[in-house]
Amino acid sequence: MSIHQLAEIPDDLAAEAAQVPGIHMRLISFLRAEIAQNRRRQHQHSEQAREVVKKARAEAEKLRAAGMTPEQARAEFSELHQKVVDQIAADR
């Protein structure tokens, strides 16, 4: 697979980048660093945690598409959080 298959690089940018000495080595170094970081990230969190995050992002996107603003989401979260805290205190 070539780099052009990984990312669409505009012709004008590719032409300018080709003039930068050592750009290919820096690109390879950057890609290796990104791959290593991605591997660490993948191993840092369990599959279950990644699935929870994926579902939460999907739900957030649904709310955004429905017109909920970040401020509304924060207010609703704060209300629900307070209810949970109050319930925990009451159960003690």
PDB file of N, CA and C in Angstrom:
ATOM      1  N   MET A   1       0.848  -1.173   0.000  1.00  0.00           N
ATOM      2  CA  MET A   1       0.000   0.000   0.000  1.00  0.00           C
ATOM      3  C   MET A   1       0.895   1.239   0.000  1.00  0.00           C
ATOM      4  N   SER A   2       0.597   2.178  -0.867  1.00  0.00           N
ATOM      5  CA  SER A   2       1.399   3.393  -0.934  1.00  0.00           C
ATOM      6  C   SER A   2       0.827   4.461  -0.010  1.00  0.00           C
ATOM      7  N   ILE A   3       1.616   5.479   0.256  1.00  0.00           N
ATOM      8  CA  ILE A   3       1.174   6.574   1.119  1.00  0.00           C
ATOM      9  C   ILE A   3      -0.039   7.267   0.512  1.00  0.00           C
ATOM     10  N   HIS A   4      -0.114   7.277  -0.798  1.00  0.00           N
ATOM     11  CA  HIS A   4      -1.260   7.910  -1.455  1.00  0.00           C
ATOM     12  C   HIS A   4      -2.551   7.155  -1.166  1.00  0.00           C
ATOM     13  N   GLN A   5      -2.450   5.887  -0.847  1.00  0.00           N
ATOM     14  CA  GLN A   5      -3.631   5.121  -0.485  1.00  0.00           C
ATOM     15  C   GLN A   5      -4.022   5.357   0.970  1.00  0.00           C
ATOM     16  N   LEU A   6      -3.070   5.772   1.799  1.00  0.00           N
ATOM     17  CA  LEU A   6      -3.351   6.044   3.208  1.00  0.00           C
ATOM     18  C   LEU A   6      -3.972   7.422   3.414  1.00  0.00           C
ATOM     19  N   ALA A   7      -3.503   8.391   2.645  1.00  0.00           N
ATOM     20  CA  ALA A   7      -3.983   9.763   2.814  1.00  0.00           C
ATOM     21  C   ALA A   7      -3.962  10.476   1.472  1.00  0.00           C
ATOM     22  N   GLU A   8      -5.001  11.240   1.225  1.00  0.00           N
ATOM     23  CA  GLU A   8      -5.030  12.045   0.015  1.00  0.00           C
ATOM     24  C   GLU A   8      -4.191  13.287   0.247  1.00  0.00           C
ATOM     25  N   ILE A   9      -3.115  13.393  -0.482  1.00  0.00           N
ATOM     26  CA  ILE A   9      -2.215  14.537  -0.348  1.00  0.00           C
ATOM     27  C   ILE A   9      -2.421  15.407  -1.578  1.00  0.00           C
ATOM     28  N   PRO A  10      -2.846  16.653  -1.372  1.00  0.00           N
ATOM     29  CA  PRO A  10      -3.050  17.541  -2.525  1.00  0.00           C
ATOM     30  C   PRO A  10      -1.765  17.679  -3.334  1.00  0.00           C
ATOM     31  N   ASP A  11      -1.907  17.757  -4.637  1.00  0.00           N
ATOM     32  CA  ASP A  11      -0.739  17.823  -5.518  1.00  0.00           C
ATOM     33  C   ASP A  11       0.198  18.969  -5.167  1.00  0.00           C
ATOM     34  N   ASP A  12      -0.367  20.153  -4.841  1.00  0.00           N
ATOM     35  CA  ASP A  12       0.497  21.292  -4.529  1.00  0.00           C
ATOM     36  C   ASP A  12       1.304  21.042  -3.254  1.00  0.00           C
ATOM     37  N   LEU A  13       0.678  20.387  -2.280  1.00  0.00           N
ATOM     38  CA  LEU A  13       1.375  20.067  -1.033  1.00  0.00           C
ATOM     39  C   LEU A  13       2.449  19.010  -1.278  1.00  0.00           C
ATOM     40  N   ALA A  14       2.111  18.002  -2.061  1.00  0.00           N
ATOM     41  CA  ALA A  14       3.083  16.949  -2.364  1.00  0.00           C
ATOM     42  C   ALA A  14       4.281  17.519  -3.097  1.00  0.00           C
ATOM     43  N   ALA A  15       4.034  18.445  -4.027  1.00  0.00           N
ATOM     44  CA  ALA A  15       5.134  19.054  -4.777  1.00  0.00           C
ATOM     45  C   ALA A  15       6.046  19.852  -3.860  1.00  0.00           C
ATOM     46  N   GLU A  16       5.441  20.618  -2.932  1.00  0.00           N
ATOM     47  CA  GLU A  16       6.254  21.393  -1.981  1.00  0.00           C
ATOM     48  C   GLU A  16       6.997  20.472  -1.023  1.00  0.00           C
ATOM     49  N   ALA A  17       6.309  19.444  -0.542  1.00  0.00           N
ATOM     50  CA  ALA A  17       6.929  18.516   0.404  1.00  0.00           C
ATOM     51  C   ALA A  17       8.114  17.803  -0.233  1.00  0.00           C
ATOM     52  N   ALA A  18       8.006  17.519  -1.522  1.00  0.00           N
ATOM     53  CA  ALA A  18       9.094  16.828  -2.220  1.00  0.00           C
ATOM     54  C   ALA A  18      10.370  17.659  -2.227  1.00  0.00           C
ATOM     55  N   GLN A  19      10.270  18.956  -2.007  1.00  0.00           N
ATOM     56  CA  GLN A  19      11.437  19.837  -2.004  1.00  0.00           C
ATOM     57  C   GLN A  19      12.118  19.914  -0.636  1.00  0.00           C
ATOM     58  N   VAL A  20      11.480  19.360   0.387  1.00  0.00           N
ATOM     59  CA  VAL A  20      12.036  19.431   1.742  1.00  0.00           C
ATOM     60  C   VAL A  20      13.045  18.293   1.930  1.00  0.00           C
ATOM     61  N   PRO A  21      14.296  18.638   2.220  1.00  0.00           N
ATOM     62  CA  PRO A  21      15.308  17.595   2.400  1.00  0.00           C
ATOM     63  C   PRO A  21      14.942  16.664   3.566  1.00  0.00           C
ATOM     64  N   GLY A  22      15.032  15.373   3.332  1.00  0.00           N
ATOM     65  CA  GLY A  22      14.809  14.381   4.378  1.00  0.00           C
ATOM     66  C   GLY A  22      13.350  14.182   4.763  1.00  0.00           C
ATOM     67  N   ILE A  23      12.420  14.709   3.981  1.00  0.00           N
ATOM     68  CA  ILE A  23      11.011  14.614   4.351  1.00  0.00           C
ATOM     69  C   ILE A  23      10.551  13.157   4.457  1.00  0.00           C
ATOM     70  N   HIS A  24      11.053  12.310   3.591  1.00  0.00           N
ATOM     71  CA  HIS A  24      10.610  10.906   3.621  1.00  0.00           C
ATOM     72  C   HIS A  24      11.002  10.236   4.934  1.00  0.00           C
ATOM     73  N   MET A  25      12.179  10.554   5.462  1.00  0.00           N
ATOM     74  CA  MET A  25      12.602   9.957   6.727  1.00  0.00           C
ATOM     75  C   MET A  25      11.769  10.502   7.893  1.00  0.00           C
ATOM     76  N   ARG A  26      11.441  11.790   7.835  1.00  0.00           N
ATOM     77  CA  ARG A  26      10.607  12.366   8.892  1.00  0.00           C
ATOM     78  C   ARG A  26       9.194  11.803   8.842  1.00  0.00           C
ATOM     79  N   LEU A  27       8.670  11.589   7.642  1.00  0.00           N
ATOM     80  CA  LEU A  27       7.341  10.992   7.517  1.00  0.00           C
ATOM     81  C   LEU A  27       7.332   9.574   8.078  1.00  0.00           C
ATOM     82  N   ILE A  28       8.357   8.814   7.770  1.00  0.00           N
ATOM     83  CA  ILE A  28       8.454   7.443   8.285  1.00  0.00           C
ATOM     84  C   ILE A  28       8.548   7.469   9.806  1.00  0.00           C
ATOM     85  N   SER A  29       9.346   8.379  10.336  1.00  0.00           N
ATOM     86  CA  SER A  29       9.484   8.503  11.794  1.00  0.00           C
ATOM     87  C   SER A  29       8.154   8.890  12.426  1.00  0.00           C
ATOM     88  N   PHE A  30       7.448   9.835  11.811  1.00  0.00           N
ATOM     89  CA  PHE A  30       6.149  10.250  12.313  1.00  0.00           C
ATOM     90  C   PHE A  30       5.168   9.086  12.301  1.00  0.00           C
ATOM     91  N   LEU A  31       5.122   8.337  11.205  1.00  0.00           N
ATOM     92  CA  LEU A  31       4.209   7.204  11.113  1.00  0.00           C
ATOM     93  C   LEU A  31       4.527   6.148  12.168  1.00  0.00           C
ATOM     94  N   ARG A  32       5.811   5.871  12.372  1.00  0.00           N
ATOM     95  CA  ARG A  32       6.188   4.888  13.400  1.00  0.00           C
ATOM     96  C   ARG A  32       5.740   5.345  14.788  1.00  0.00           C
ATOM     97  N   ALA A  33       5.922   6.631  15.075  1.00  0.00           N
ATOM     98  CA  ALA A  33       5.511   7.164  16.380  1.00  0.00           C
ATOM     99  C   ALA A  33       3.998   7.071  16.544  1.00  0.00           C
ATOM    100  N   GLU A  34       3.252   7.382  15.506  1.00  0.00           N
ATOM    101  CA  GLU A  34       1.794   7.314  15.571  1.00  0.00           C
ATOM    102  C   GLU A  34       1.313   5.873  15.744  1.00  0.00           C
ATOM    103  N   ILE A  35       1.956   4.953  15.063  1.00  0.00           N
ATOM    104  CA  ILE A  35       1.599   3.534  15.195  1.00  0.00           C
ATOM    105  C   ILE A  35       1.880   3.050  16.612  1.00  0.00           C
ATOM    106  N   ALA A  36       3.040   3.422  17.156  1.00  0.00           N
ATOM    107  CA  ALA A  36       3.387   3.024  18.526  1.00  0.00           C
ATOM    108  C   ALA A  36       2.397   3.612  19.527  1.00  0.00           C
ATOM    109  N   GLN A  37       2.037   4.881  19.336  1.00  0.00           N
ATOM    110  CA  GLN A  37       1.076   5.515  20.239  1.00  0.00           C
ATOM    111  C   GLN A  37      -0.280   4.821  20.146  1.00  0.00           C
ATOM    112  N   ASN A  38      -0.698   4.478  18.952  1.00  0.00           N
ATOM    113  CA  ASN A  38      -1.974   3.784  18.773  1.00  0.00           C
ATOM    114  C   ASN A  38      -1.949   2.415  19.447  1.00  0.00           C
ATOM    115  N   ARG A  39      -0.833   1.707  19.346  1.00  0.00           N
ATOM    116  CA  ARG A  39      -0.713   0.405  20.014  1.00  0.00           C
ATOM    117  C   ARG A  39      -0.828   0.550  21.525  1.00  0.00           C
ATOM    118  N   ARG A  40      -0.137   1.567  22.065  1.00  0.00           N
ATOM    119  CA  ARG A  40      -0.228   1.806  23.513  1.00  0.00           C
ATOM    120  C   ARG A  40      -1.663   2.127  23.911  1.00  0.00           C
ATOM    121  N   ARG A  41      -2.310   2.958  23.124  1.00  0.00           N
ATOM    122  CA  ARG A  41      -3.691   3.344  23.415  1.00  0.00           C
ATOM    123  C   ARG A  41      -4.610   2.127  23.367  1.00  0.00           C
ATOM    124  N   GLN A  42      -4.407   1.251  22.406  1.00  0.00           N
ATOM    125  CA  GLN A  42      -5.239   0.064  22.268  1.00  0.00           C
ATOM    126  C   GLN A  42      -5.064  -0.875  23.456  1.00  0.00           C
ATOM    127  N   HIS A  43      -3.842  -0.967  23.977  1.00  0.00           N
ATOM    128  CA  HIS A  43      -3.582  -1.866  25.097  1.00  0.00           C
ATOM    129  C   HIS A  43      -3.893  -1.219  26.442  1.00  0.00           C
ATOM    130  N   GLN A  44      -3.974   0.100  26.454  1.00  0.00           N
ATOM    131  CA  GLN A  44      -4.200   0.819  27.707  1.00  0.00           C
ATOM    132  C   GLN A  44      -5.620   0.601  28.216  1.00  0.00           C
ATOM    133  N   HIS A  45      -6.559   0.479  27.309  1.00  0.00           N
ATOM    134  CA  HIS A  45      -7.958   0.355  27.697  1.00  0.00           C
ATOM    135  C   HIS A  45      -8.510  -0.986  27.224  1.00  0.00           C
ATOM    136  N   SER A  46      -9.369  -1.546  28.026  1.00  0.00           N
ATOM    137  CA  SER A  46      -9.950  -2.838  27.677  1.00  0.00           C
ATOM    138  C   SER A  46     -10.919  -2.691  26.516  1.00  0.00           C
ATOM    139  N   GLU A  47     -11.212  -3.792  25.891  1.00  0.00           N
ATOM    140  CA  GLU A  47     -12.195  -3.801  24.804  1.00  0.00           C
ATOM    141  C   GLU A  47     -13.540  -3.301  25.318  1.00  0.00           C
ATOM    142  N   GLN A  48     -13.873  -3.679  26.542  1.00  0.00           N
ATOM    143  CA  GLN A  48     -15.137  -3.245  27.138  1.00  0.00           C
ATOM    144  C   GLN A  48     -15.162  -1.719  27.284  1.00  0.00           C
ATOM    145  N   ALA A  49     -14.078  -1.131  27.736  1.00  0.00           N
ATOM    146  CA  ALA A  49     -14.012   0.324  27.889  1.00  0.00           C
ATOM    147  C   ALA A  49     -14.124   1.013  26.535  1.00  0.00           C
ATOM    148  N   ARG A  50     -13.442   0.473  25.529  1.00  0.00           N
ATOM    149  CA  ARG A  50     -13.527   1.060  24.185  1.00  0.00           C
ATOM    150  C   ARG A  50     -14.949   0.975  23.647  1.00  0.00           C
ATOM    151  N   GLU A  51     -15.658  -0.111  23.944  1.00  0.00           N
ATOM    152  CA  GLU A  51     -17.037  -0.273  23.488  1.00  0.00           C
ATOM    153  C   GLU A  51     -17.955   0.736  24.186  1.00  0.00           C
ATOM    154  N   VAL A  52     -17.729   0.969  25.475  1.00  0.00           N
ATOM    155  CA  VAL A  52     -18.520   1.959  26.209  1.00  0.00           C
ATOM    156  C   VAL A  52     -18.321   3.343  25.597  1.00  0.00           C
ATOM    157  N   VAL A  53     -17.078   3.681  25.302  1.00  0.00           N
ATOM    158  CA  VAL A  53     -16.780   4.980  24.701  1.00  0.00           C
ATOM    159  C   VAL A  53     -17.425   5.089  23.324  1.00  0.00           C
ATOM    160  N   LYS A  54     -17.361   4.028  22.555  1.00  0.00           N
ATOM    161  CA  LYS A  54     -17.963   4.027  21.218  1.00  0.00           C
ATOM    162  C   LYS A  54     -19.471   4.278  21.306  1.00  0.00           C
ATOM    163  N   LYS A  55     -20.129   3.604  22.242  1.00  0.00           N
ATOM    164  CA  LYS A  55     -21.575   3.794  22.422  1.00  0.00           C
ATOM    165  C   LYS A  55     -21.885   5.199  22.905  1.00  0.00           C
ATOM    166  N   ALA A  56     -21.069   5.719  23.810  1.00  0.00           N
ATOM    167  CA  ALA A  56     -21.293   7.076  24.326  1.00  0.00           C
ATOM    168  C   ALA A  56     -21.134   8.110  23.209  1.00  0.00           C
ATOM    169  N   ARG A  57     -20.147   7.917  22.362  1.00  0.00           N
ATOM    170  CA  ARG A  57     -19.960   8.849  21.241  1.00  0.00           C
ATOM    171  C   ARG A  57     -21.136   8.788  20.280  1.00  0.00           C
ATOM    172  N   ALA A  58     -21.640   7.587  20.024  1.00  0.00           N
ATOM    173  CA  ALA A  58     -22.800   7.441  19.140  1.00  0.00           C
ATOM    174  C   ALA A  58     -24.019   8.133  19.743  1.00  0.00           C
ATOM    175  N   GLU A  59     -24.203   7.972  21.043  1.00  0.00           N
ATOM    176  CA  GLU A  59     -25.329   8.623  21.721  1.00  0.00           C
ATOM    177  C   GLU A  59     -25.169  10.141  21.694  1.00  0.00           C
ATOM    178  N   ALA A  60     -23.959  10.622  21.912  1.00  0.00           N
ATOM    179  CA  ALA A  60     -23.705  12.064  21.860  1.00  0.00           C
ATOM    180  C   ALA A  60     -24.004  12.612  20.470  1.00  0.00           C
ATOM    181  N   GLU A  61     -23.652  11.867  19.456  1.00  0.00           N
ATOM    182  CA  GLU A  61     -23.927  12.301  18.083  1.00  0.00           C
ATOM    183  C   GLU A  61     -25.429  12.365  17.825  1.00  0.00           C
ATOM    184  N   LYS A  62     -26.181  11.400  18.359  1.00  0.00           N
ATOM    185  CA  LYS A  62     -27.638  11.428  18.219  1.00  0.00           C
ATOM    186  C   LYS A  62     -28.213  12.676  18.881  1.00  0.00           C
ATOM    187  N   LEU A  63     -27.734  12.981  20.090  1.00  0.00           N
ATOM    188  CA  LEU A  63     -28.224  14.161  20.805  1.00  0.00           C
ATOM    189  C   LEU A  63     -27.875  15.440  20.051  1.00  0.00           C
ATOM    190  N   ARG A  64     -26.671  15.496  19.507  1.00  0.00           N
ATOM    191  CA  ARG A  64     -26.245  16.665  18.741  1.00  0.00           C
ATOM    192  C   ARG A  64     -27.123  16.828  17.505  1.00  0.00           C
ATOM    193  N   ALA A  65     -27.392  15.714  16.834  1.00  0.00           N
ATOM    194  CA  ALA A  65     -28.236  15.754  15.633  1.00  0.00           C
ATOM    195  C   ALA A  65     -29.666  16.173  15.974  1.00  0.00           C
ATOM    196  N   ALA A  66     -30.098  15.860  17.191  1.00  0.00           N
ATOM    197  CA  ALA A  66     -31.445  16.231  17.636  1.00  0.00           C
ATOM    198  C   ALA A  66     -31.505  17.682  18.099  1.00  0.00           C
ATOM    199  N   GLY A  67     -30.356  18.356  18.127  1.00  0.00           N
ATOM    200  CA  GLY A  67     -30.336  19.766  18.469  1.00  0.00           C
ATOM    201  C   GLY A  67     -29.917  20.104  19.887  1.00  0.00           C
ATOM    202  N   MET A  68     -29.492  19.114  20.664  1.00  0.00           N
ATOM    203  CA  MET A  68     -29.061  19.398  22.040  1.00  0.00           C
ATOM    204  C   MET A  68     -27.715  20.114  22.005  1.00  0.00           C
ATOM    205  N   THR A  69     -27.629  21.191  22.768  1.00  0.00           N
ATOM    206  CA  THR A  69     -26.374  21.938  22.837  1.00  0.00           C
ATOM    207  C   THR A  69     -25.488  21.357  23.935  1.00  0.00           C
ATOM    208  N   PRO A  70     -24.196  21.629  23.886  1.00  0.00           N
ATOM    209  CA  PRO A  70     -23.309  21.173  24.966  1.00  0.00           C
ATOM    210  C   PRO A  70     -23.746  21.706  26.332  1.00  0.00           C
ATOM    211  N   GLU A  71     -24.240  22.931  26.366  1.00  0.00           N
ATOM    212  CA  GLU A  71     -24.693  23.511  27.627  1.00  0.00           C
ATOM    213  C   GLU A  71     -25.871  22.720  28.189  1.00  0.00           C
ATOM    214  N   GLN A  72     -26.817  22.355  27.320  1.00  0.00           N
ATOM    215  CA  GLN A  72     -27.959  21.561  27.762  1.00  0.00           C
ATOM    216  C   GLN A  72     -27.504  20.196  28.271  1.00  0.00           C
ATOM    217  N   ALA A  73     -26.565  19.596  27.581  1.00  0.00           N
ATOM    218  CA  ALA A  73     -26.059  18.290  27.984  1.00  0.00           C
ATOM    219  C   ALA A  73     -25.385  18.373  29.354  1.00  0.00           C
ATOM    220  N   ARG A  74     -24.587  19.424  29.567  1.00  0.00           N
ATOM    221  CA  ARG A  74     -23.922  19.593  30.869  1.00  0.00           C
ATOM    222  C   ARG A  74     -24.946  19.787  31.982  1.00  0.00           C
ATOM    223  N   ALA A  75     -25.962  20.585  31.716  1.00  0.00           N
ATOM    224  CA  ALA A  75     -26.987  20.831  32.731  1.00  0.00           C
ATOM    225  C   ALA A  75     -27.728  19.538  33.078  1.00  0.00           C
ATOM    226  N   GLU A  76     -28.083  18.768  32.058  1.00  0.00           N
ATOM    227  CA  GLU A  76     -28.784  17.506  32.308  1.00  0.00           C
ATOM    228  C   GLU A  76     -27.889  16.534  33.065  1.00  0.00           C
ATOM    229  N   PHE A  77     -26.623  16.468  32.685  1.00  0.00           N
ATOM    230  CA  PHE A  77     -25.681  15.593  33.382  1.00  0.00           C
ATOM    231  C   PHE A  77     -25.551  16.002  34.842  1.00  0.00           C
ATOM    232  N   SER A  78     -25.436  17.307  35.089  1.00  0.00           N
ATOM    233  CA  SER A  78     -25.301  17.796  36.462  1.00  0.00           C
ATOM    234  C   SER A  78     -26.508  17.413  37.308  1.00  0.00           C
ATOM    235  N   GLU A  79     -27.700  17.547  36.730  1.00  0.00           N
ATOM    236  CA  GLU A  79     -28.918  17.160  37.453  1.00  0.00           C
ATOM    237  C   GLU A  79     -28.906  15.674  37.794  1.00  0.00           C
ATOM    238  N   LEU A  80     -28.597  14.854  36.795  1.00  0.00           N
ATOM    239  CA  LEU A  80     -28.581  13.408  37.026  1.00  0.00           C
ATOM    240  C   LEU A  80     -27.508  13.026  38.033  1.00  0.00           C
ATOM    241  N   HIS A  81     -26.340  13.655  37.935  1.00  0.00           N
ATOM    242  CA  HIS A  81     -25.252  13.382  38.867  1.00  0.00           C
ATOM    243  C   HIS A  81     -25.685  13.705  40.294  1.00  0.00           C
ATOM    244  N   GLN A  82     -26.317  14.845  40.463  1.00  0.00           N
ATOM    245  CA  GLN A  82     -26.759  15.241  41.799  1.00  0.00           C
ATOM    246  C   GLN A  82     -27.791  14.261  42.349  1.00  0.00           C
ATOM    247  N   LYS A  83     -28.690  13.785  41.515  1.00  0.00           N
ATOM    248  CA  LYS A  83     -29.679  12.799  41.956  1.00  0.00           C
ATOM    249  C   LYS A  83     -28.998  11.519  42.437  1.00  0.00           C
ATOM    250  N   VAL A  84     -27.972  11.077  41.705  1.00  0.00           N
ATOM    251  CA  VAL A  84     -27.242   9.868  42.090  1.00  0.00           C
ATOM    252  C   VAL A  84     -26.527  10.095  43.415  1.00  0.00           C
ATOM    253  N   VAL A  85     -25.851  11.238  43.563  1.00  0.00           N
ATOM    254  CA  VAL A  85     -25.145  11.556  44.803  1.00  0.00           C
ATOM    255  C   VAL A  85     -26.123  11.598  45.971  1.00  0.00           C
ATOM    256  N   ASP A  86     -27.274  12.253  45.757  1.00  0.00           N
ATOM    257  CA  ASP A  86     -28.286  12.325  46.820  1.00  0.00           C
ATOM    258  C   ASP A  86     -28.798  10.933  47.199  1.00  0.00           C
ATOM    259  N   GLN A  87     -28.998  10.081  46.212  1.00  0.00           N
ATOM    260  CA  GLN A  87     -29.488   8.713  46.468  1.00  0.00           C
ATOM    261  C   GLN A  87     -28.440   7.910  47.248  1.00  0.00           C
ATOM    262  N   ILE A  88     -27.194   8.059  46.891  1.00  0.00           N
ATOM    263  CA  ILE A  88     -26.127   7.350  47.605  1.00  0.00           C
ATOM    264  C   ILE A  88     -26.083   7.815  49.053  1.00  0.00           C
ATOM    265  N   ALA A  89     -26.192   9.129  49.265  1.00  0.00           N
ATOM    266  CA  ALA A  89     -26.182   9.664  50.630  1.00  0.00           C
ATOM    267  C   ALA A  89     -27.373   9.159  51.428  1.00  0.00           C
ATOM    268  N   ALA A  90     -28.521   9.062  50.780  1.00  0.00           N
ATOM    269  CA  ALA A  90     -29.734   8.599  51.470  1.00  0.00           C
ATOM    270  C   ALA A  90     -29.638   7.118  51.837  1.00  0.00           C
ATOM    271  N   ASP A  91     -28.927   6.342  51.059  1.00  0.00           N
ATOM    272  CA  ASP A  91     -28.802   4.912  51.299  1.00  0.00           C
ATOM    273  C   ASP A  91     -27.806   4.567  52.399  1.00  0.00           C
ATOM    274  N   ARG A  92     -27.038   5.525  52.841  1.00  0.00           N
ATOM    275  CA  ARG A  92     -26.014   5.248  53.866  1.00  0.00           C
ATOM    276  C   ARG A  92     -26.580   5.168  55.227  1.00  0.00           C
TER     277      ARG A  92
END
